[in-house]
Amino acid sequence: MKPIELKGIISPILTPMHADESINVEELRNEVERMISNGIHGIFPFGTNGEGYILSAEEKKTVLEVVVDQTAGRVPIYAGTGAISTKETIAQSKMAQEAGADVLSIIAPSFAAASQEEIYTHYKTVAEAVDMPIVLYNIPARTGNAIAPATVARLAQIENIIGAKDSSGNFSNILGYIEAGKTKTNGTFYTLSGNDQLIIWTLLAGGTGGIAGCANVYPQTMASIYDLFVEGKIEEAKTANSSIQSFRDCFKYGNPNTIVKTAAGLLGNNVGKCRAPFNQIPEAGIDALQKVLAENKARGMR
């Protein structure tokens, strides 16, 4: 297994689409360049913000191959390969390994309720089927299944399970993951924040970065949180992290990844809409977004 450090701000890159909802490959390449040129430390295709939940297996393969080709080794690539079943998760993970991904981000199984023992067995089985680093992805609001810190501690003992991303929004859970990771005896365990507001606090607590949806709108600002932290400029890093609050306040107007993709489009990026039916924002939401984007542009955020 290729050794890798999980650190910095990873962008769960948008999947640009044409009006007919087909994938806009040319714009996907542009988005990769936009992320890298603004200092992003990693790229994560077909995560939540990349609409991985609504892409076919063939579309995911296309997206990943394009991102791998365009990135050309400049930053690590995290592939979101989780599915409801263990069988499909393994198939997607093998596809990602063959396509050249560096890390697998595997979301917890969804829809049907899963016990912690079932979650443990699921990840263990997948880890044994691929020779790649794996990041656990906890987002219970979307999946209905939470990965408990005690389960993370058990999974951390598996050599190629090297980290966890927590998108629960519960900082206590992030702290639990950080502590669980300290029990790993066969390498380093990395904890990443999946909640953009908690990135600096995760870093201060011993985590190593974040997978940040807001990076699709403000890649430079988001990347600077980690860069400033590494430089020891903690107060500046805190300021950068808090600067996204007004934008996040717009999430009340719709599905957060729909808000993010719409905002990226309003800034002039040809990313298209989210795939139906998750693509509507009320007029009041568009007005609020335009106001916030203009204010943040005047402040130099990008």
Protein backbone atom coordinates (compact mmCIF):
# COMPACT_ATOMS: atom_id res chain seq x y z
CA MET A 1 0.00 0.00 0.00
CA LYS A 2 1.33 3.42 -0.99
CA PRO A 3 1.96 5.54 2.13
CA ILE A 4 0.11 8.86 2.27
CA GLU A 5 -0.56 11.64 4.75
CA LEU A 6 -4.11 12.91 4.99
CA LYS A 7 -3.78 16.61 5.59
CA GLY A 8 -4.88 20.04 4.46
CA ILE A 9 -8.07 21.15 2.79
CA ILE A 10 -9.53 18.63 0.37
CA SER A 11 -12.16 19.86 -2.07
CA PRO A 12 -15.14 17.55 -2.69
CA ILE A 13 -15.13 18.80 -6.24
CA LEU A 14 -18.38 19.56 -8.05
CA THR A 15 -19.49 17.41 -10.97
CA PRO A 16 -20.26 19.96 -13.72
CA MET A 17 -23.25 19.10 -15.87
CA HIS A 18 -24.75 20.24 -19.14
CA ALA A 19 -28.41 21.28 -19.35
CA ASP A 20 -29.34 17.69 -20.22
CA GLU A 21 -27.62 16.50 -17.01
CA SER A 22 -24.77 14.80 -18.84
CA ILE A 23 -21.31 15.36 -17.36
CA ASN A 24 -19.42 18.40 -18.63
CA VAL A 25 -15.93 16.91 -18.89
CA GLU A 26 -14.29 20.10 -20.18
CA GLU A 27 -15.59 22.10 -17.21
CA LEU A 28 -14.57 19.32 -14.82
CA ARG A 29 -11.00 19.81 -16.02
CA ASN A 30 -11.39 23.56 -15.46
CA GLU A 31 -12.63 22.93 -11.92
CA VAL A 32 -9.61 20.76 -11.16
CA GLU A 33 -7.34 23.58 -12.31
CA ARG A 34 -9.31 26.15 -10.33
CA MET A 35 -8.91 24.11 -7.15
CA ILE A 36 -5.20 23.43 -7.58
CA SER A 37 -4.31 26.98 -8.66
CA ASN A 38 -5.95 28.28 -5.49
CA GLY A 39 -3.92 26.07 -3.20
CA ILE A 40 -6.26 23.19 -2.41
CA HIS A 41 -4.36 20.24 -0.91
CA GLY A 42 -6.43 17.37 -2.32
CA ILE A 43 -9.39 16.63 -4.60
CA PHE A 44 -12.30 14.37 -3.77
CA PRO A 45 -14.47 13.41 -6.79
CA PHE A 46 -18.12 12.35 -6.40
CA GLY A 47 -18.45 13.05 -2.72
CA THR A 48 -21.62 14.65 -1.40
CA ASN A 49 -20.91 17.95 -3.18
CA GLY A 50 -19.92 16.00 -6.28
CA GLU A 51 -23.37 14.36 -6.29
CA GLY A 52 -21.95 10.87 -5.92
CA TYR A 53 -25.32 9.78 -4.57
CA ILE A 54 -26.96 10.32 -7.97
CA LEU A 55 -24.21 9.31 -10.44
CA SER A 56 -24.10 5.91 -12.10
CA ALA A 57 -21.12 3.60 -11.69
CA GLU A 58 -20.00 4.39 -15.24
CA GLU A 59 -20.29 8.13 -14.63
CA LYS A 60 -18.19 7.84 -11.48
CA LYS A 61 -15.52 6.00 -13.45
CA THR A 62 -15.52 8.76 -16.08
CA VAL A 63 -15.29 11.52 -13.48
CA LEU A 64 -12.45 9.82 -11.64
CA GLU A 65 -10.45 9.11 -14.78
CA VAL A 66 -10.75 12.73 -15.88
CA VAL A 67 -9.74 14.05 -12.46
CA VAL A 68 -6.77 11.68 -12.24
CA ASP A 69 -5.62 12.70 -15.71
CA GLN A 70 -6.02 16.42 -15.13
CA THR A 71 -4.49 16.41 -11.66
CA ALA A 72 -1.43 14.56 -12.94
CA GLY A 73 -0.15 13.76 -9.46
CA ARG A 74 -0.06 17.34 -8.21
CA VAL A 75 -2.32 16.64 -5.23
CA PRO A 76 -3.78 13.43 -3.78
CA ILE A 77 -7.12 12.19 -5.07
CA TYR A 78 -9.75 10.83 -2.72
CA ALA A 79 -12.44 8.70 -4.38
CA GLY A 80 -15.85 8.33 -2.77
CA THR A 81 -16.58 4.63 -3.23
CA GLY A 82 -19.11 3.88 -0.52
CA ALA A 83 -22.43 2.24 -1.41
CA ILE A 84 -25.30 0.67 0.49
CA SER A 85 -24.03 -2.88 0.03
CA THR A 86 -20.62 -4.26 0.88
CA LYS A 87 -20.48 -5.95 -2.54
CA GLU A 88 -20.98 -2.72 -4.48
CA THR A 89 -18.59 -0.82 -2.21
CA ILE A 90 -15.87 -3.35 -3.01
CA ALA A 91 -16.60 -3.10 -6.73
CA GLN A 92 -16.43 0.69 -6.66
CA SER A 93 -13.26 0.61 -4.56
CA LYS A 94 -11.52 -1.71 -7.01
CA MET A 95 -12.59 0.57 -9.86
CA ALA A 96 -11.08 3.55 -8.06
CA GLN A 97 -7.84 1.69 -7.40
CA GLU A 98 -7.52 0.78 -11.08
CA ALA A 99 -8.34 4.36 -12.13
CA GLY A 100 -5.49 5.77 -10.06
CA ALA A 101 -7.06 7.21 -6.91
CA ASP A 102 -4.77 7.65 -3.91
CA VAL A 103 -7.31 7.26 -1.09
CA LEU A 104 -10.77 5.73 -0.73
CA SER A 105 -13.38 7.71 1.17
CA ILE A 106 -16.10 5.26 2.16
CA ILE A 107 -19.39 6.59 3.47
CA ALA A 108 -21.31 4.51 5.99
CA PRO A 109 -24.03 2.26 4.59
CA SER A 110 -27.35 4.06 4.27
CA PHE A 111 -31.13 3.67 4.22
CA ALA A 112 -31.39 0.45 6.27
CA ALA A 113 -30.46 0.73 9.95
CA ALA A 114 -27.09 -0.85 10.67
CA SER A 115 -25.70 -2.01 14.02
CA GLN A 116 -22.16 -1.06 15.00
CA GLU A 117 -21.13 -4.68 14.46
CA GLU A 118 -22.56 -4.58 10.94
CA ILE A 119 -20.74 -1.30 10.27
CA TYR A 120 -17.48 -2.78 11.59
CA THR A 121 -17.84 -5.92 9.47
CA HIS A 122 -18.70 -3.87 6.37
CA TYR A 123 -15.55 -1.75 6.57
CA LYS A 124 -13.33 -4.67 7.57
CA THR A 125 -14.51 -6.70 4.58
CA VAL A 126 -13.91 -3.82 2.18
CA ALA A 127 -10.47 -3.11 3.67
CA GLU A 128 -9.45 -6.74 3.14
CA ALA A 129 -10.54 -6.58 -0.50
CA VAL A 130 -8.38 -3.62 -1.58
CA ASP A 131 -4.79 -2.59 -1.01
CA MET A 132 -5.48 1.11 -0.56
CA PRO A 133 -5.73 3.65 2.27
CA ILE A 134 -9.31 4.06 3.48
CA VAL A 135 -11.00 7.00 5.17
CA LEU A 136 -14.23 6.33 7.06
CA TYR A 137 -16.94 8.87 6.24
CA ASN A 138 -19.51 9.64 8.93
CA ILE A 139 -22.51 11.74 7.90
CA PRO A 140 -25.47 10.36 9.85
CA ALA A 141 -27.89 13.11 8.77
CA ARG A 142 -27.65 11.74 5.23
CA THR A 143 -27.10 8.01 5.83
CA GLY A 144 -29.14 7.40 8.98
CA ASN A 145 -26.18 5.43 10.41
CA ALA A 146 -23.51 6.92 12.68
CA ILE A 147 -20.05 5.39 13.11
CA ALA A 148 -19.43 5.43 16.86
CA PRO A 149 -15.99 6.46 18.16
CA ALA A 150 -15.65 2.99 19.73
CA THR A 151 -16.18 1.43 16.30
CA VAL A 152 -13.61 3.81 14.82
CA ALA A 153 -11.13 2.62 17.48
CA ARG A 154 -11.73 -0.98 16.39
CA LEU A 155 -11.46 -0.15 12.70
CA ALA A 156 -8.27 1.85 13.26
CA GLN A 157 -6.48 -1.40 14.06
CA ILE A 158 -6.91 -2.47 10.43
CA GLU A 159 -3.72 -1.36 8.69
CA ASN A 160 -5.20 0.32 5.62
CA ILE A 161 -7.98 2.15 7.49
CA ILE A 162 -5.99 5.29 8.17
CA GLY A 163 -8.51 8.01 8.90
CA ALA A 164 -12.03 9.28 9.39
CA LYS A 165 -14.02 12.22 8.14
CA ASP A 166 -16.76 13.41 10.46
CA SER A 167 -19.61 15.44 8.98
CA SER A 168 -21.97 15.10 11.93
CA GLY A 169 -21.43 18.72 12.98
CA ASN A 170 -20.86 17.44 16.52
CA PHE A 171 -17.42 18.53 17.69
CA SER A 172 -17.53 16.04 20.56
CA ASN A 173 -17.70 13.29 17.97
CA ILE A 174 -14.64 14.67 16.20
CA LEU A 175 -12.80 14.67 19.52
CA GLY A 176 -13.91 11.08 20.01
CA TYR A 177 -12.46 10.13 16.63
CA ILE A 178 -9.16 11.85 17.42
CA GLU A 179 -8.89 9.90 20.66
CA ALA A 180 -9.91 6.67 18.92
CA GLY A 181 -7.20 7.20 16.33
CA LYS A 182 -4.53 7.34 19.01
CA THR A 183 -5.10 3.64 19.66
CA LYS A 184 -3.90 2.66 16.17
CA THR A 185 -0.83 0.46 16.59
CA ASN A 186 0.21 -0.02 12.96
CA GLY A 187 0.54 3.49 11.58
CA THR A 188 -0.97 6.95 11.85
CA PHE A 189 -4.69 7.65 12.01
CA TYR A 190 -5.91 10.97 10.64
CA THR A 191 -9.12 12.81 11.57
CA LEU A 192 -10.65 15.27 9.09
CA SER A 193 -13.53 17.64 9.66
CA GLY A 194 -16.39 17.34 7.20
CA ASN A 195 -18.02 20.43 8.69
CA ASP A 196 -16.37 23.55 7.27
CA GLN A 197 -17.02 25.64 10.38
CA LEU A 198 -15.08 23.20 12.56
CA ILE A 199 -11.86 22.91 10.54
CA ILE A 200 -9.63 25.18 12.60
CA TRP A 201 -10.97 23.69 15.84
CA THR A 202 -10.30 20.19 14.53
CA LEU A 203 -6.73 21.19 13.67
CA LEU A 204 -6.21 22.69 17.10
CA ALA A 205 -7.51 19.49 18.72
CA GLY A 206 -5.11 17.25 16.80
CA GLY A 207 -6.93 16.62 13.54
CA THR A 208 -5.15 17.18 10.25
CA GLY A 209 -7.55 19.08 7.99
CA GLY A 210 -10.95 19.04 6.41
CA ILE A 211 -12.97 17.97 3.40
CA ALA A 212 -14.66 21.28 2.71
CA GLY A 213 -17.64 21.81 0.42
CA CYS A 214 -17.16 25.58 0.62
CA ALA A 215 -13.84 25.11 -1.17
CA ASN A 216 -15.86 24.85 -4.38
CA VAL A 217 -16.83 28.50 -3.86
CA TYR A 218 -13.85 29.86 -1.91
CA PRO A 219 -10.90 27.54 -2.60
CA GLN A 220 -8.19 30.04 -1.67
CA THR A 221 -9.90 31.12 1.53
CA MET A 222 -10.47 27.54 2.62
CA ALA A 223 -6.93 26.42 1.75
CA SER A 224 -5.56 29.33 3.76
CA ILE A 225 -7.09 27.95 6.98
CA TYR A 226 -4.66 25.04 6.91
CA ASP A 227 -1.73 27.02 5.53
CA LEU A 228 -2.06 29.70 8.21
CA PHE A 229 -2.40 27.05 10.90
CA VAL A 230 0.82 25.34 9.76
CA GLU A 231 2.57 28.73 9.81
CA GLY A 232 1.46 29.24 13.40
CA LYS A 233 -0.85 32.12 12.49
CA ILE A 234 -3.72 30.76 14.54
CA GLU A 235 -5.80 33.92 14.88
CA GLU A 236 -5.59 34.55 11.14
CA ALA A 237 -6.61 30.95 10.51
CA LYS A 238 -9.60 31.41 12.83
CA THR A 239 -10.56 34.57 10.93
CA ALA A 240 -10.36 32.75 7.61
CA ASN A 241 -12.51 29.94 8.97
CA SER A 242 -15.15 32.29 10.36
CA SER A 243 -15.29 34.29 7.11
CA ILE A 244 -17.46 31.62 5.46
CA GLN A 245 -20.26 31.98 8.00
CA SER A 246 -22.38 34.40 5.97
CA PHE A 247 -22.24 32.02 3.01
CA ARG A 248 -23.13 29.02 5.16
CA ASP A 249 -26.09 30.98 6.51
CA CYS A 250 -27.56 30.65 3.00
CA PHE A 251 -27.79 26.88 3.44
CA LYS A 252 -31.19 27.40 5.04
CA TYR A 253 -32.60 28.07 1.57
CA GLY A 254 -32.04 24.57 0.22
CA ASN A 255 -29.96 21.43 0.04
CA PRO A 256 -26.41 22.56 1.00
CA ASN A 257 -24.74 21.04 -2.05
CA THR A 258 -27.35 22.69 -4.27
CA ILE A 259 -26.49 26.01 -2.62
CA VAL A 260 -22.77 25.40 -3.16
CA LYS A 261 -23.14 24.48 -6.84
CA THR A 262 -25.47 27.41 -7.48
CA ALA A 263 -23.02 29.79 -5.82
CA ALA A 264 -20.14 28.46 -7.91
CA GLY A 265 -22.26 29.09 -11.00
CA LEU A 266 -23.17 32.61 -9.91
CA LEU A 267 -19.45 33.32 -9.62
CA GLY A 268 -19.05 32.53 -13.33
CA ASN A 269 -18.08 28.87 -13.29
CA ASN A 270 -19.93 26.77 -15.89
CA VAL A 271 -20.86 23.98 -13.48
CA GLY A 272 -24.57 23.80 -14.32
CA LYS A 273 -27.30 22.73 -11.93
CA CYS A 274 -27.46 19.78 -9.58
CA ARG A 275 -29.18 16.76 -11.03
CA ALA A 276 -32.97 16.72 -10.53
CA PRO A 277 -34.84 16.66 -8.30
CA PHE A 278 -32.25 18.29 -6.01
CA ASN A 279 -31.80 21.51 -7.96
CA GLN A 280 -34.23 24.15 -6.74
CA ILE A 281 -33.62 27.27 -4.66
CA PRO A 282 -36.35 29.87 -4.01
CA GLU A 283 -35.94 33.39 -5.35
CA ALA A 284 -35.25 34.66 -1.84
CA GLY A 285 -32.35 32.22 -1.64
CA ILE A 286 -30.85 33.40 -4.92
CA ASP A 287 -31.14 37.01 -3.77
CA ALA A 288 -29.44 36.17 -0.47
CA LEU A 289 -26.67 34.29 -2.26
CA GLN A 290 -25.98 37.13 -4.67
CA LYS A 291 -25.79 39.61 -1.80
CA VAL A 292 -23.40 37.45 0.23
CA LEU A 293 -21.20 36.62 -2.77
CA ALA A 294 -20.89 40.34 -3.61
CA GLU A 295 -20.03 41.23 -0.01
CA ASN A 296 -17.42 38.49 0.22
CA LYS A 297 -15.90 39.46 -3.12
CA ALA A 298 -15.48 43.03 -1.82
CA ARG A 299 -13.66 41.52 1.19
CA GLY A 300 -11.24 39.73 -1.13
CA MET A 301 -12.53 36.21 -0.57
CA ARG A 302 -12.04 33.76 -3.40
